[in-house]
Amino acid sequence: AVIYVVAQRGDGAVDLPRIDHEYAWKAYDAAALVGTSLAFTLDVPAYKQVFIWVWVDLDGDGYVNQPAEPGGATGPWYTDAIRDDLTITLAPAYDPE
Protein backbone atom coordinates (compact mmCIF):
# COMPACT_ATOMS: atom_id res chain seq x y z
CA ALA A 1 0.00 0.00 0.00
CA VAL A 2 1.05 3.59 -0.65
CA ILE A 3 -0.12 6.46 1.57
CA TYR A 4 -0.33 9.91 -0.03
CA VAL A 5 -0.47 13.07 2.08
CA VAL A 6 -1.50 15.95 -0.15
CA ALA A 7 -1.97 19.69 0.37
CA GLN A 8 -4.72 20.05 -2.21
CA ARG A 9 -6.18 23.09 -3.87
CA GLY A 10 -9.68 21.62 -3.68
CA ASP A 11 -11.67 19.09 -1.76
CA GLY A 12 -12.07 16.26 -4.32
CA ALA A 13 -10.12 13.13 -5.11
CA VAL A 14 -6.56 13.74 -6.24
CA ASP A 15 -5.56 12.71 -9.75
CA LEU A 16 -2.24 10.94 -9.17
CA PRO A 17 -0.90 11.48 -12.71
CA ARG A 18 -1.40 15.23 -12.10
CA ILE A 19 -0.44 15.29 -8.42
CA ASP A 20 2.31 17.83 -9.06
CA HIS A 21 -0.49 20.34 -9.75
CA GLU A 22 -1.30 20.32 -6.02
CA TYR A 23 0.51 22.59 -3.55
CA ALA A 24 2.57 19.80 -1.97
CA TRP A 25 2.52 16.06 -1.49
CA LYS A 26 4.49 13.15 -0.11
CA ALA A 27 4.10 9.40 -0.60
CA TYR A 28 4.85 6.91 2.15
CA ASP A 29 5.08 3.15 2.28
CA ALA A 30 2.59 1.60 4.72
CA ALA A 31 5.55 0.69 6.95
CA ALA A 32 5.87 4.43 7.77
CA LEU A 33 2.77 4.19 9.97
CA VAL A 34 3.48 4.17 13.68
CA GLY A 35 0.36 2.62 15.16
CA THR A 36 -2.32 4.80 13.61
CA SER A 37 -0.10 7.86 13.18
CA LEU A 38 2.05 9.20 10.38
CA ALA A 39 4.46 12.07 10.92
CA PHE A 40 4.66 14.37 7.90
CA THR A 41 5.67 17.86 6.87
CA LEU A 42 4.45 19.68 3.77
CA ASP A 43 5.82 22.99 2.55
CA VAL A 44 3.02 25.05 1.04
CA PRO A 45 2.87 28.58 -0.38
CA ALA A 46 1.93 31.36 2.03
CA TYR A 47 -1.52 32.89 2.06
CA LYS A 48 -3.32 30.07 0.32
CA GLN A 49 -6.31 27.96 1.32
CA VAL A 50 -5.55 24.23 1.36
CA PHE A 51 -7.18 20.96 2.24
CA ILE A 52 -4.90 18.33 3.76
CA TRP A 53 -5.92 14.96 2.34
CA VAL A 54 -4.67 11.47 3.08
CA TRP A 55 -5.26 8.88 0.36
CA VAL A 56 -4.39 5.18 0.54
CA ASP A 57 -3.71 3.22 -2.64
CA LEU A 58 -4.18 -0.27 -1.20
CA ASP A 59 -3.37 -2.22 -4.34
CA GLY A 60 -0.60 0.07 -5.61
CA ASP A 61 -2.22 0.53 -9.02
CA GLY A 62 -1.71 4.31 -9.08
CA TYR A 63 -5.35 5.21 -8.44
CA VAL A 64 -6.98 6.38 -5.22
CA ASN A 65 -10.57 6.71 -4.07
CA GLN A 66 -11.50 3.31 -5.49
CA PRO A 67 -13.98 1.09 -3.61
CA ALA A 68 -12.60 0.12 -0.18
CA GLU A 69 -9.58 2.44 -0.49
CA PRO A 70 -9.57 4.91 2.41
CA GLY A 71 -9.31 8.65 2.18
CA GLY A 72 -9.96 11.57 4.49
CA ALA A 73 -9.35 15.29 4.84
CA THR A 74 -9.13 18.25 7.12
CA GLY A 75 -9.58 21.86 6.14
CA PRO A 76 -9.81 24.18 4.50
CA TRP A 77 -6.79 25.78 6.18
CA TYR A 78 -5.38 29.18 5.45
CA THR A 79 -1.59 28.86 5.30
CA ASP A 80 -0.77 31.86 7.48
CA ALA A 81 0.32 29.69 10.42
CA ILE A 82 1.92 26.36 11.22
CA ARG A 83 -0.57 23.57 11.78
CA ASP A 84 0.50 20.56 13.75
CA ASP A 85 -1.15 17.60 15.34
CA LEU A 86 -3.87 17.30 12.71
CA THR A 87 -6.34 14.45 13.06
CA ILE A 88 -7.68 13.01 9.83
CA THR A 89 -10.24 10.21 9.95
CA LEU A 90 -10.06 7.83 7.01
CA ALA A 91 -13.11 6.16 5.54
CA PRO A 92 -13.33 3.71 2.62
CA ALA A 93 -14.47 5.14 -0.70
CA TYR A 94 -18.11 4.58 -1.56
CA ASP A 95 -18.80 1.29 -3.29
CA PRO A 96 -22.13 1.47 -5.18
CA GLU A 97 -22.39 -2.30 -5.47
C-alpha atoms as a PDB file:
ATOM      1  CA  ALA A   1       0.000   0.000   0.000  1.00  0.00           C
ATOM      2  CA  VAL A   2       1.045   3.589  -0.647  1.00  0.00           C
ATOM      3  CA  ILE A   3      -0.119   6.458   1.566  1.00  0.00           C
ATOM      4  CA  TYR A   4      -0.329   9.914  -0.032  1.00  0.00           C
ATOM      5  CA  VAL A   5      -0.473  13.069   2.083  1.00  0.00           C
ATOM      6  CA  VAL A   6      -1.500  15.954  -0.150  1.00  0.00           C
ATOM      7  CA  ALA A   7      -1.975  19.694   0.373  1.00  0.00           C
ATOM      8  CA  GLN A   8      -4.720  20.046  -2.207  1.00  0.00           C
ATOM      9  CA  ARG A   9      -6.176  23.094  -3.867  1.00  0.00           C
ATOM     10  CA  GLY A  10      -9.680  21.619  -3.680  1.00  0.00           C
ATOM     11  CA  ASP A  11     -11.669  19.085  -1.763  1.00  0.00           C
ATOM     12  CA  GLY A  12     -12.071  16.263  -4.316  1.00  0.00           C
ATOM     13  CA  ALA A  13     -10.117  13.131  -5.114  1.00  0.00           C
ATOM     14  CA  VAL A  14      -6.563  13.736  -6.240  1.00  0.00           C
ATOM     15  CA  ASP A  15      -5.561  12.707  -9.754  1.00  0.00           C
ATOM     16  CA  LEU A  16      -2.240  10.943  -9.174  1.00  0.00           C
ATOM     17  CA  PRO A  17      -0.902  11.480 -12.705  1.00  0.00           C
ATOM     18  CA  ARG A  18      -1.402  15.228 -12.100  1.00  0.00           C
ATOM     19  CA  ILE A  19      -0.440  15.289  -8.416  1.00  0.00           C
ATOM     20  CA  ASP A  20       2.315  17.831  -9.062  1.00  0.00           C
ATOM     21  CA  HIS A  21      -0.489  20.341  -9.751  1.00  0.00           C
ATOM     22  CA  GLU A  22      -1.299  20.315  -6.022  1.00  0.00           C
ATOM     23  CA  TYR A  23       0.509  22.589  -3.554  1.00  0.00           C
ATOM     24  CA  ALA A  24       2.569  19.802  -1.971  1.00  0.00           C
ATOM     25  CA  TRP A  25       2.523  16.058  -1.487  1.00  0.00           C
ATOM     26  CA  LYS A  26       4.489  13.151  -0.112  1.00  0.00           C
ATOM     27  CA  ALA A  27       4.101   9.403  -0.597  1.00  0.00           C
ATOM     28  CA  TYR A  28       4.846   6.907   2.150  1.00  0.00           C
ATOM     29  CA  ASP A  29       5.077   3.151   2.285  1.00  0.00           C
ATOM     30  CA  ALA A  30       2.593   1.604   4.719  1.00  0.00           C
ATOM     31  CA  ALA A  31       5.554   0.693   6.945  1.00  0.00           C
ATOM     32  CA  ALA A  32       5.866   4.428   7.772  1.00  0.00           C
ATOM     33  CA  LEU A  33       2.767   4.192   9.968  1.00  0.00           C
ATOM     34  CA  VAL A  34       3.480   4.173  13.677  1.00  0.00           C
ATOM     35  CA  GLY A  35       0.361   2.621  15.160  1.00  0.00           C
ATOM     36  CA  THR A  36      -2.324   4.796  13.614  1.00  0.00           C
ATOM     37  CA  SER A  37      -0.098   7.859  13.175  1.00  0.00           C
ATOM     38  CA  LEU A  38       2.048   9.197  10.376  1.00  0.00           C
ATOM     39  CA  ALA A  39       4.458  12.070  10.923  1.00  0.00           C
ATOM     40  CA  PHE A  40       4.659  14.368   7.904  1.00  0.00           C
ATOM     41  CA  THR A  41       5.673  17.860   6.869  1.00  0.00           C
ATOM     42  CA  LEU A  42       4.452  19.682   3.773  1.00  0.00           C
ATOM     43  CA  ASP A  43       5.825  22.993   2.551  1.00  0.00           C
ATOM     44  CA  VAL A  44       3.015  25.048   1.039  1.00  0.00           C
ATOM     45  CA  PRO A  45       2.866  28.579  -0.381  1.00  0.00           C
ATOM     46  CA  ALA A  46       1.934  31.360   2.028  1.00  0.00           C
ATOM     47  CA  TYR A  47      -1.517  32.888   2.065  1.00  0.00           C
ATOM     48  CA  LYS A  48      -3.322  30.065   0.321  1.00  0.00           C
ATOM     49  CA  GLN A  49      -6.309  27.965   1.317  1.00  0.00           C
ATOM     50  CA  VAL A  50      -5.548  24.235   1.362  1.00  0.00           C
ATOM     51  CA  PHE A  51      -7.177  20.963   2.240  1.00  0.00           C
ATOM     52  CA  ILE A  52      -4.896  18.326   3.760  1.00  0.00           C
ATOM     53  CA  TRP A  53      -5.923  14.960   2.344  1.00  0.00           C
ATOM     54  CA  VAL A  54      -4.668  11.465   3.078  1.00  0.00           C
ATOM     55  CA  TRP A  55      -5.255   8.883   0.362  1.00  0.00           C
ATOM     56  CA  VAL A  56      -4.388   5.183   0.542  1.00  0.00           C
ATOM     57  CA  ASP A  57      -3.707   3.218  -2.642  1.00  0.00           C
ATOM     58  CA  LEU A  58      -4.185  -0.266  -1.196  1.00  0.00           C
ATOM     59  CA  ASP A  59      -3.370  -2.220  -4.339  1.00  0.00           C
ATOM     60  CA  GLY A  60      -0.599   0.067  -5.609  1.00  0.00           C
ATOM     61  CA  ASP A  61      -2.220   0.531  -9.021  1.00  0.00           C
ATOM     62  CA  GLY A  62      -1.707   4.309  -9.082  1.00  0.00           C
ATOM     63  CA  TYR A  63      -5.352   5.211  -8.444  1.00  0.00           C
ATOM     64  CA  VAL A  64      -6.981   6.377  -5.221  1.00  0.00           C
ATOM     65  CA  ASN A  65     -10.568   6.707  -4.075  1.00  0.00           C
ATOM     66  CA  GLN A  66     -11.498   3.314  -5.491  1.00  0.00           C
ATOM     67  CA  PRO A  67     -13.975   1.094  -3.606  1.00  0.00           C
ATOM     68  CA  ALA A  68     -12.603   0.115  -0.179  1.00  0.00           C
ATOM     69  CA  GLU A  69      -9.579   2.443  -0.487  1.00  0.00           C
ATOM     70  CA  PRO A  70      -9.574   4.910   2.408  1.00  0.00           C
ATOM     71  CA  GLY A  71      -9.311   8.651   2.185  1.00  0.00           C
ATOM     72  CA  GLY A  72      -9.956  11.572   4.494  1.00  0.00           C
ATOM     73  CA  ALA A  73      -9.353  15.285   4.844  1.00  0.00           C
ATOM     74  CA  THR A  74      -9.128  18.249   7.118  1.00  0.00           C
ATOM     75  CA  GLY A  75      -9.575  21.858   6.145  1.00  0.00           C
ATOM     76  CA  PRO A  76      -9.806  24.180   4.500  1.00  0.00           C
ATOM     77  CA  TRP A  77      -6.791  25.776   6.183  1.00  0.00           C
ATOM     78  CA  TYR A  78      -5.377  29.183   5.453  1.00  0.00           C
ATOM     79  CA  THR A  79      -1.588  28.865   5.297  1.00  0.00           C
ATOM     80  CA  ASP A  80      -0.768  31.859   7.478  1.00  0.00           C
ATOM     81  CA  ALA A  81       0.324  29.688  10.416  1.00  0.00           C
ATOM     82  CA  ILE A  82       1.916  26.365  11.217  1.00  0.00           C
ATOM     83  CA  ARG A  83      -0.573  23.568  11.783  1.00  0.00           C
ATOM     84  CA  ASP A  84       0.499  20.562  13.753  1.00  0.00           C
ATOM     85  CA  ASP A  85      -1.148  17.598  15.343  1.00  0.00           C
ATOM     86  CA  LEU A  86      -3.872  17.300  12.708  1.00  0.00           C
ATOM     87  CA  THR A  87      -6.335  14.455  13.061  1.00  0.00           C
ATOM     88  CA  ILE A  88      -7.677  13.006   9.827  1.00  0.00           C
ATOM     89  CA  THR A  89     -10.236  10.205   9.952  1.00  0.00           C
ATOM     90  CA  LEU A  90     -10.056   7.831   7.011  1.00  0.00           C
ATOM     91  CA  ALA A  91     -13.111   6.157   5.541  1.00  0.00           C
ATOM     92  CA  PRO A  92     -13.332   3.712   2.623  1.00  0.00           C
ATOM     93  CA  ALA A  93     -14.475   5.145  -0.695  1.00  0.00           C
ATOM     94  CA  TYR A  94     -18.108   4.580  -1.559  1.00  0.00           C
ATOM     95  CA  ASP A  95     -18.804   1.290  -3.290  1.00  0.00           C
ATOM     96  CA  PRO A  96     -22.130   1.475  -5.180  1.00  0.00           C
ATOM     97  CA  GLU A  97     -22.388  -2.299  -5.471  1.00  0.00           C
END
